C-alpha atoms as a PDB file:
ATOM      1  CA  MET A   1      47.650  68.689  82.371  1.00  0.00           C
ATOM      2  CA  ARG A   2      47.767  69.606  85.901  1.00  0.00           C
ATOM      3  CA  LYS A   3      46.011  72.629  87.004  1.00  0.00           C
ATOM      4  CA  TRP A   4      48.787  74.707  89.094  1.00  0.00           C
ATOM      5  CA  ASP A   5      48.908  77.360  91.723  1.00  0.00           C
ATOM      6  CA  GLU A   6      51.355  79.116  93.146  1.00  0.00           C
ATOM      7  CA  ALA A   7      52.112  76.675  96.448  1.00  0.00           C
ATOM      8  CA  LYS A   8      51.284  73.505  94.277  1.00  0.00           C
ATOM      9  CA  ALA A   9      54.259  74.819  92.295  1.00  0.00           C
ATOM     10  CA  LEU A  10      56.644  75.769  94.546  1.00  0.00           C
ATOM     11  CA  ALA A  11      56.072  72.435  96.246  1.00  0.00           C
ATOM     12  CA  THR A  12      56.971  70.783  93.309  1.00  0.00           C
ATOM     13  CA  THR A  13      59.833  72.891  92.160  1.00  0.00           C
ATOM     14  CA  LEU A  14      61.388  72.747  95.362  1.00  0.00           C
ATOM     15  CA  SER A  15      60.821  68.909  96.251  1.00  0.00           C
ATOM     16  CA  ASN A  16      61.962  67.944  92.924  1.00  0.00           C
ATOM     17  CA  THR A  17      65.331  70.308  92.699  1.00  0.00           C
ATOM     18  CA  ARG A  18      66.419  69.395  96.218  1.00  0.00           C
ATOM     19  CA  THR A  19      67.129  65.951  96.133  1.00  0.00           C
ATOM     20  CA  LYS A  20      68.760  63.174  93.607  1.00  0.00           C
ATOM     21  CA  LYS A  21      66.022  61.103  93.137  1.00  0.00           C
ATOM     22  CA  ARG A  22      62.543  62.889  91.499  1.00  0.00           C
ATOM     23  CA  ARG A  23      59.528  62.415  93.221  1.00  0.00           C
ATOM     24  CA  ASP A  24      57.706  63.421  89.951  1.00  0.00           C
ATOM     25  CA  ASP A  25      58.020  62.821  86.356  1.00  0.00           C
ATOM     26  CA  LEU A  26      60.028  65.687  84.237  1.00  0.00           C
ATOM     27  CA  ILE A  27      56.555  67.166  82.778  1.00  0.00           C
ATOM     28  CA  THR A  28      55.127  67.347  85.809  1.00  0.00           C
ATOM     29  CA  VAL A  29      58.297  69.397  87.156  1.00  0.00           C
ATOM     30  CA  ALA A  30      58.857  71.460  83.904  1.00  0.00           C
ATOM     31  CA  GLY A  31      54.901  72.209  84.496  1.00  0.00           C
ATOM     32  CA  ALA A  32      55.567  73.497  87.804  1.00  0.00           C
ATOM     33  CA  MET A  33      58.683  75.678  86.455  1.00  0.00           C
ATOM     34  CA  LYS A  34      56.743  77.030  83.477  1.00  0.00           C
ATOM     35  CA  TYR A  35      53.842  78.164  85.830  1.00  0.00           C
ATOM     36  CA  LEU A  36      56.315  80.156  88.197  1.00  0.00           C
ATOM     37  CA  VAL A  37      58.180  81.914  85.249  1.00  0.00           C
ATOM     38  CA  GLN A  38      54.925  83.465  83.811  1.00  0.00           C
ATOM     39  CA  LEU A  39      54.199  84.077  87.611  1.00  0.00           C
ATOM     40  CA  TYR A  40      57.138  85.448  88.293  1.00  0.00           C
ATOM     41  CA  GLY A  41      57.945  87.021  85.151  1.00  0.00           C
ATOM     42  CA  SER A  42      61.585  84.805  84.359  1.00  0.00           C
ATOM     43  CA  GLN A  43      63.452  81.718  84.935  1.00  0.00           C
ATOM     44  CA  ARG A  44      66.112  83.888  87.001  1.00  0.00           C
ATOM     45  CA  GLU A  45      63.534  84.719  89.461  1.00  0.00           C
ATOM     46  CA  VAL A  46      62.120  81.952  89.636  1.00  0.00           C
ATOM     47  CA  ALA A  47      65.659  80.686  90.481  1.00  0.00           C
ATOM     48  CA  ALA A  48      66.108  82.989  92.886  1.00  0.00           C
ATOM     49  CA  ARG A  49      63.040  82.143  94.704  1.00  0.00           C
ATOM     50  CA  VAL A  50      63.779  78.290  94.466  1.00  0.00           C
ATOM     51  CA  GLY A  51      67.063  78.672  95.779  1.00  0.00           C
ATOM     52  CA  VAL A  52      68.635  76.889  92.166  1.00  0.00           C
ATOM     53  CA  HIS A  53      70.876  77.878  89.390  1.00  0.00           C
ATOM     54  CA  PRO A  54      68.928  79.721  86.905  1.00  0.00           C
ATOM     55  CA  GLU A  55      70.474  77.048  84.309  1.00  0.00           C
ATOM     56  CA  MET A  56      68.746  74.443  86.244  1.00  0.00           C
ATOM     57  CA  ILE A  57      65.431  75.861  85.665  1.00  0.00           C
ATOM     58  CA  ARG A  58      66.116  75.986  81.803  1.00  0.00           C
ATOM     59  CA  GLN A  59      67.348  72.364  81.374  1.00  0.00           C
ATOM     60  CA  PHE A  60      63.890  71.184  83.396  1.00  0.00           C
ATOM     61  CA  LEU A  61      62.130  73.543  80.947  1.00  0.00           C
ATOM     62  CA  THR A  62      63.739  71.993  78.027  1.00  0.00           C
ATOM     63  CA  VAL A  63      61.249  69.020  78.336  1.00  0.00           C
ATOM     64  CA  LEU A  64      58.530  70.913  77.207  1.00  0.00           C
ATOM     65  CA  ARG A  65      59.854  71.702  73.875  1.00  0.00           C
ATOM     66  CA  LEU A  66      60.094  68.227  72.468  1.00  0.00           C
ATOM     67  CA  SER A  67      57.125  66.605  70.735  1.00  0.00           C
ATOM     68  CA  GLY A  68      53.629  65.686  72.503  1.00  0.00           C
ATOM     69  CA  SER A  69      54.674  61.613  71.794  1.00  0.00           C
ATOM     70  CA  VAL A  70      58.467  62.193  73.636  1.00  0.00           C
ATOM     71  CA  GLN A  71      57.128  64.219  75.820  1.00  0.00           C
ATOM     72  CA  ALA A  72      54.530  61.376  76.594  1.00  0.00           C
ATOM     73  CA  LEU A  73      57.433  58.899  77.132  1.00  0.00           C
ATOM     74  CA  PHE A  74      59.066  61.237  79.978  1.00  0.00           C
ATOM     75  CA  ALA A  75      55.612  62.015  81.891  1.00  0.00           C
ATOM     76  CA  THR A  76      55.204  58.100  82.454  1.00  0.00           C
ATOM     77  CA  ARG A  77      58.859  57.520  83.156  1.00  0.00           C
ATOM     78  CA  GLN A  78      59.984  55.468  80.117  1.00  0.00           C
ATOM     79  CA  LEU A  79      62.363  58.414  79.899  1.00  0.00           C
ATOM     80  CA  ASP A  80      63.709  59.995  82.856  1.00  0.00           C
ATOM     81  CA  SER A  81      66.364  62.146  82.275  1.00  0.00           C
ATOM     82  CA  VAL A  82      66.995  66.109  81.865  1.00  0.00           C
ATOM     83  CA  ASP A  83      70.155  65.083  79.983  1.00  0.00           C
ATOM     84  CA  VAL A  84      68.185  62.652  77.231  1.00  0.00           C
ATOM     85  CA  ALA A  85      66.043  65.821  77.118  1.00  0.00           C
ATOM     86  CA  LYS A  86      68.765  68.199  76.039  1.00  0.00           C
ATOM     87  CA  GLU A  87      69.970  65.950  73.855  1.00  0.00           C
ATOM     88  CA  LEU A  88      66.699  64.729  71.977  1.00  0.00           C
ATOM     89  CA  VAL A  89      65.497  68.382  71.874  1.00  0.00           C
ATOM     90  CA  THR A  90      68.841  69.030  69.312  1.00  0.00           C
ATOM     91  CA  LEU A  91      66.872  66.464  66.811  1.00  0.00           C
ATOM     92  CA  LYS A  92      65.273  68.997  64.811  1.00  0.00           C
ATOM     93  CA  ASP A  93      63.349  66.636  62.883  1.00  0.00           C
ATOM     94  CA  GLN A  94      60.484  65.429  64.718  1.00  0.00           C
ATOM     95  CA  THR A  95      59.768  61.767  63.066  1.00  0.00           C
ATOM     96  CA  GLN A  96      63.907  61.415  63.676  1.00  0.00           C
ATOM     97  CA  GLN A  97      63.330  62.671  67.496  1.00  0.00           C
ATOM     98  CA  GLU A  98      60.189  60.304  68.223  1.00  0.00           C
ATOM     99  CA  GLN A  99      62.073  57.479  67.076  1.00  0.00           C
ATOM    100  CA  THR A 100      65.233  58.424  68.659  1.00  0.00           C
ATOM    101  CA  ALA A 101      63.217  58.905  71.736  1.00  0.00           C
ATOM    102  CA  VAL A 102      61.691  55.053  71.600  1.00  0.00           C
ATOM    103  CA  GLU A 103      65.382  53.728  70.838  1.00  0.00           C
ATOM    104  CA  ILE A 104      66.498  55.408  73.800  1.00  0.00           C
ATOM    105  CA  ALA A 105      64.039  54.274  76.298  1.00  0.00           C
ATOM    106  CA  ASN A 106      64.892  51.036  75.842  1.00  0.00           C
ATOM    107  CA  MET A 107      69.032  51.108  76.347  1.00  0.00           C
ATOM    108  CA  PRO A 108      71.237  52.775  78.960  1.00  0.00           C
ATOM    109  CA  SER A 109      72.217  56.200  78.985  1.00  0.00           C
ATOM    110  CA  LYS A 110      75.414  56.269  77.883  1.00  0.00           C
ATOM    111  CA  ASP A 111      74.446  54.652  74.495  1.00  0.00           C
ATOM    112  CA  ALA A 112      71.499  57.407  74.322  1.00  0.00           C
ATOM    113  CA  ARG A 113      74.170  60.307  74.369  1.00  0.00           C
ATOM    114  CA  ASP A 114      76.097  58.163  71.868  1.00  0.00           C
ATOM    115  CA  ILE A 115      73.171  57.776  69.645  1.00  0.00           C
ATOM    116  CA  THR A 116      71.603  61.188  69.474  1.00  0.00           C
ATOM    117  CA  ARG A 117      75.431  62.464  68.418  1.00  0.00           C
ATOM    118  CA  LEU A 118      75.841  60.393  66.075  1.00  0.00           C
ATOM    119  CA  ILE A 119      72.272  60.884  64.458  1.00  0.00           C
ATOM    120  CA  LYS A 120      73.111  64.739  64.491  1.00  0.00           C
ATOM    121  CA  ASN A 121      76.555  64.945  63.876  1.00  0.00           C
ATOM    122  CA  ALA A 122      76.919  61.849  61.446  1.00  0.00           C
ATOM    123  CA  ARG A 123      73.822  62.008  59.585  1.00  0.00           C
ATOM    124  CA  CYS A 124      72.702  58.784  60.065  1.00  0.00           C
ATOM    125  CA  GLY A 125      69.083  57.165  60.626  1.00  0.00           C
ATOM    126  CA  VAL A 126      68.572  56.101  64.391  1.00  0.00           C
ATOM    127  CA  GLU A 127      68.743  52.261  63.316  1.00  0.00           C
ATOM    128  CA  ALA A 128      72.242  52.758  61.722  1.00  0.00           C
ATOM    129  CA  ALA A 129      73.573  54.785  64.989  1.00  0.00           C
ATOM    130  CA  LYS A 130      72.091  52.191  67.384  1.00  0.00           C
ATOM    131  CA  LYS A 131      73.532  49.778  65.547  1.00  0.00           C
ATOM    132  CA  ALA A 132      77.374  51.686  65.098  1.00  0.00           C
ATOM    133  CA  VAL A 133      77.014  52.154  68.978  1.00  0.00           C
ATOM    134  CA  LEU A 134      76.028  48.389  69.883  1.00  0.00           C
ATOM    135  CA  GLU A 135      78.724  47.054  67.914  1.00  0.00           C
ATOM    136  CA  ALA A 136      81.391  49.766  69.441  1.00  0.00           C
ATOM    137  CA  LYS A 137      80.360  49.019  72.965  1.00  0.00           C
ATOM    138  CA  PRO A 138      82.790  45.839  74.333  1.00  0.00           C
ATOM    139  CA  SER A 139      81.656  42.411  74.799  1.00  0.00           C
ATOM    140  CA  GLY A 140      81.384  41.632  78.627  1.00  0.00           C
ATOM    141  CA  LEU A 141      81.741  45.241  80.034  1.00  0.00           C
ATOM    142  CA  ASN A 142      78.779  46.197  82.151  1.00  0.00           C
ATOM    143  CA  ILE A 143      78.753  49.324  84.218  1.00  0.00           C
ATOM    144  CA  PHE A 144      76.562  49.436  87.092  1.00  0.00           C
ATOM    145  CA  LEU A 145      75.797  52.807  89.141  1.00  0.00           C
ATOM    146  CA  LEU A 146      75.704  52.562  92.888  1.00  0.00           C
ATOM    147  CA  ASP A 147      74.116  55.276  95.264  1.00  0.00           C
ATOM    148  CA  PHE A 148      76.323  55.055  99.210  1.00  0.00           C
ATOM    149  CA  ALA A 149      75.587  57.296 101.933  1.00  0.00           C
ATOM    150  CA  ASP A 150      78.854  59.689 102.259  1.00  0.00           C
ATOM    151  CA  ASP A 151      80.285  57.461 105.251  1.00  0.00           C
ATOM    152  CA  VAL A 152      79.864  54.226 103.515  1.00  0.00           C
ATOM    153  CA  LEU A 153      81.903  56.085 100.667  1.00  0.00           C
ATOM    154  CA  ARG A 154      84.642  57.277 102.787  1.00  0.00           C
ATOM    155  CA  LYS A 155      84.948  53.809 104.486  1.00  0.00           C
ATOM    156  CA  LEU A 156      85.091  52.332 100.515  1.00  0.00           C
ATOM    157  CA  GLU A 157      87.801  54.789  99.623  1.00  0.00           C
ATOM    158  CA  CYS A 158      89.903  54.428 102.879  1.00  0.00           C
ATOM    159  CA  GLU A 159      89.851  50.519 102.680  1.00  0.00           C
ATOM    160  CA  ALA A 160      91.064  51.032  99.025  1.00  0.00           C
ATOM    161  CA  ARG A 161      93.541  53.233 100.166  1.00  0.00           C
ATOM    162  CA  LYS A 162      94.954  50.213 102.467  1.00  0.00           C
ATOM    163  CA  ARG A 163      94.814  47.779  99.879  1.00  0.00           C
ATOM    164  CA  LYS A 164      96.409  50.092  96.844  1.00  0.00           C
ATOM    165  CA  MET A 165      93.578  49.872  94.807  1.00  0.00           C
ATOM    166  CA  LYS A 166      90.874  52.049  92.905  1.00  0.00           C
ATOM    167  CA  PRO A 167      87.261  52.001  94.841  1.00  0.00           C
ATOM    168  CA  ALA A 168      85.767  50.633  91.897  1.00  0.00           C
ATOM    169  CA  GLU A 169      88.388  47.559  92.083  1.00  0.00           C
ATOM    170  CA  LEU A 170      87.518  47.387  96.059  1.00  0.00           C
ATOM    171  CA  VAL A 171      84.108  46.712  95.185  1.00  0.00           C
ATOM    172  CA  ARG A 172      84.192  44.699  92.170  1.00  0.00           C
ATOM    173  CA  GLU A 173      86.122  42.512  94.576  1.00  0.00           C
ATOM    174  CA  ILE A 174      83.583  42.497  97.245  1.00  0.00           C
ATOM    175  CA  VAL A 175      81.002  41.635  94.628  1.00  0.00           C
ATOM    176  CA  ASN A 176      83.250  38.593  93.325  1.00  0.00           C
ATOM    177  CA  ASP A 177      83.500  37.266  96.614  1.00  0.00           C
ATOM    178  CA  TRP A 178      79.969  37.653  97.771  1.00  0.00           C
ATOM    179  CA  LEU A 179      78.922  35.829  94.543  1.00  0.00           C
ATOM    180  CA  SER A 180      81.717  33.133  95.121  1.00  0.00           C
ATOM    181  CA  ALA A 181      80.516  32.553  98.900  1.00  0.00           C
ATOM    182  CA  LYS A 182      77.029  32.379  97.599  1.00  0.00           C
ATOM    183  CA  SER A 183      77.420  29.857  94.938  1.00  0.00           C
ATOM    184  CA  GLY A 184      79.409  27.635  97.129  1.00  0.00           C
ATOM    185  CA  PRO A 185      78.713  24.064  97.693  1.00  0.00           C
ATOM    186  CA  ASP A 186      75.182  24.963  99.410  1.00  0.00           C
ATOM    187  CA  ASN A 187      73.911  26.568  96.498  1.00  0.00           C
END
């Protein structure tokens, strides 16, 4: 575990809550926040000093309530989502939590949420939940999340409106056209 002081903990917390892409793993960020909570006396005070909502602090700290082996997956960024940590912490059985974490580390996040909910609500095992989710997933459906700069997104939305289509359909069309051109007679 990292040795914290106020300046390092504040820098780590600020640099990982002010951007979409965290620089550090969740265990490091949560460790910094835990140090600040102990220093300042409450999550609300940390949130006020950092300029975020107290709920964000609470959510990051969730990862520290997981078992040691699950925390290790977060420390190595095999798991790297506050949402996944929140789902896993709802599994009170440590073995089930660990098995689920290992399965989630190898799956898309939507599947991970579905698996965790099935285990918790339907009370089925990890393998049965994984199988049920994968079998329910439509064949040939692949989803990509793309991060666009605001100006690029506005241009895509504008072009989509001109063509009377949704932005996602426009992006799909652009990618298909690009792939068709790439696999033309020269390739």
